[in-house]
Amino acid sequence: MNMYNPPHPGEFIKEVYLDPLDISYRKIANMLRVAPSTFNRLINGQSSISSEMALRLSKTLGRSPESWLNMQNKYNLWHTRKRLNLEKVEKLNIDRKRKQHV
């Protein structure tokens, strides 16, 4: 099932971790061992979660690295579907009845 307008992972981090726990982005950036500007771009939706960041987030905030990457992929796919016109993209028809070599 496709999620309707999934949140950017950075928005999720702000809403689930930073705001309710009253933790600054600088503190989390320090715990992640990344520059505060790097983490700030993430939580403001200006950058995406890389596999490296997924591993860091998993260790610091919990959840699996795969879940962080999946959240980013759902966000990316939803936004790409909104703007990409696939009308002229063609489907490859593969003949399923292939000849067997004797």
Protein backbone atom coordinates (compact mmCIF):
# COMPACT_ATOMS: atom_id res chain seq x y z
CA MET A 1 0.00 0.00 0.00
CA ASN A 2 1.36 3.43 -0.92
CA MET A 3 1.54 5.95 1.85
CA TYR A 4 -0.02 9.34 1.15
CA ASN A 5 2.55 12.12 1.32
CA PRO A 6 5.05 10.42 3.63
CA PRO A 7 7.09 12.74 5.84
CA HIS A 8 10.72 13.46 5.11
CA PRO A 9 12.85 11.47 7.58
CA GLY A 10 14.16 14.75 8.99
CA GLU A 11 10.61 15.86 9.79
CA PHE A 12 10.05 12.50 11.48
CA ILE A 13 13.21 12.95 13.57
CA LYS A 14 12.10 16.42 14.66
CA GLU A 15 8.58 15.30 15.57
CA VAL A 16 9.46 12.02 17.28
CA TYR A 17 12.81 12.75 18.91
CA LEU A 18 13.93 16.37 19.03
CA ASP A 19 10.72 18.21 19.93
CA PRO A 20 9.16 15.78 22.44
CA LEU A 21 12.47 15.07 24.18
CA ASP A 22 13.55 18.73 24.03
CA ILE A 23 16.93 17.79 22.56
CA SER A 24 18.85 20.17 20.32
CA TYR A 25 19.91 19.17 16.84
CA ARG A 26 23.48 20.08 17.84
CA LYS A 27 23.46 17.50 20.64
CA ILE A 28 22.23 14.77 18.29
CA ALA A 29 24.74 15.84 15.63
CA ASN A 30 27.50 15.49 18.21
CA MET A 31 26.23 12.04 19.20
CA LEU A 32 26.11 11.03 15.51
CA ARG A 33 29.64 12.43 15.04
CA VAL A 34 28.55 14.63 12.12
CA ALA A 35 28.74 18.39 11.64
CA PRO A 36 25.74 20.25 13.07
CA SER A 37 25.16 21.77 9.61
CA THR A 38 24.93 18.26 8.11
CA PHE A 39 22.30 17.16 10.61
CA ASN A 40 20.48 20.49 10.36
CA ARG A 41 20.13 20.04 6.58
CA LEU A 42 18.69 16.56 7.20
CA ILE A 43 16.11 17.62 9.76
CA ASN A 44 15.08 20.55 7.54
CA GLY A 45 14.49 18.23 4.59
CA GLN A 46 17.35 19.68 2.55
CA SER A 47 19.32 16.44 2.34
CA SER A 48 18.58 12.74 2.18
CA ILE A 49 19.57 9.87 4.41
CA SER A 50 22.58 8.01 3.05
CA SER A 51 23.46 4.46 4.05
CA GLU A 52 26.16 5.89 6.32
CA MET A 53 23.70 8.23 8.01
CA ALA A 54 21.19 5.37 8.35
CA LEU A 55 23.79 3.40 10.30
CA ARG A 56 24.57 6.40 12.50
CA LEU A 57 20.87 7.13 13.14
CA SER A 58 20.24 3.50 13.95
CA LYS A 59 22.92 3.50 16.64
CA THR A 60 21.93 6.87 18.13
CA LEU A 61 18.14 6.96 17.80
CA GLY A 62 17.25 3.31 17.33
CA ARG A 63 15.26 1.65 14.54
CA SER A 64 17.08 -0.41 11.96
CA PRO A 65 19.26 1.18 9.27
CA GLU A 66 16.91 -0.39 6.73
CA SER A 67 13.92 1.39 8.25
CA TRP A 68 15.67 4.77 7.93
CA LEU A 69 16.53 4.07 4.30
CA ASN A 70 13.03 2.76 3.62
CA MET A 71 11.53 5.96 5.03
CA GLN A 72 13.77 8.01 2.71
CA ASN A 73 12.91 5.81 -0.28
CA LYS A 74 9.15 6.14 0.34
CA TYR A 75 9.51 9.90 0.57
CA ASN A 76 11.58 10.08 -2.63
CA LEU A 77 9.30 7.74 -4.58
CA TRP A 78 6.12 9.57 -3.59
CA HIS A 79 7.54 12.93 -4.69
CA THR A 80 8.98 11.49 -7.92
CA ARG A 81 5.62 9.93 -8.82
CA LYS A 82 3.99 13.35 -8.47
CA ARG A 83 6.31 15.02 -10.97
CA LEU A 84 7.39 12.29 -13.41
CA ASN A 85 5.35 11.71 -16.54
CA LEU A 86 5.70 8.06 -17.61
CA GLU A 87 3.23 8.37 -20.48
CA LYS A 88 5.83 7.83 -23.20
CA VAL A 89 7.90 5.24 -21.34
CA GLU A 90 7.52 1.86 -23.00
CA LYS A 91 7.14 -1.56 -21.45
CA LEU A 92 9.37 -4.37 -22.67
CA ASN A 93 7.29 -7.37 -23.73
CA ILE A 94 9.21 -10.55 -23.07
CA ASP A 95 8.21 -13.69 -24.90
CA ARG A 96 7.74 -16.25 -22.14
CA LYS A 97 7.71 -19.14 -24.64
CA ARG A 98 11.40 -19.42 -25.27
CA LYS A 99 12.74 -22.16 -27.48
CA GLN A 100 14.48 -24.92 -25.65
CA HIS A 101 17.78 -26.12 -27.03
CA VAL A 102 17.86 -29.83 -27.82
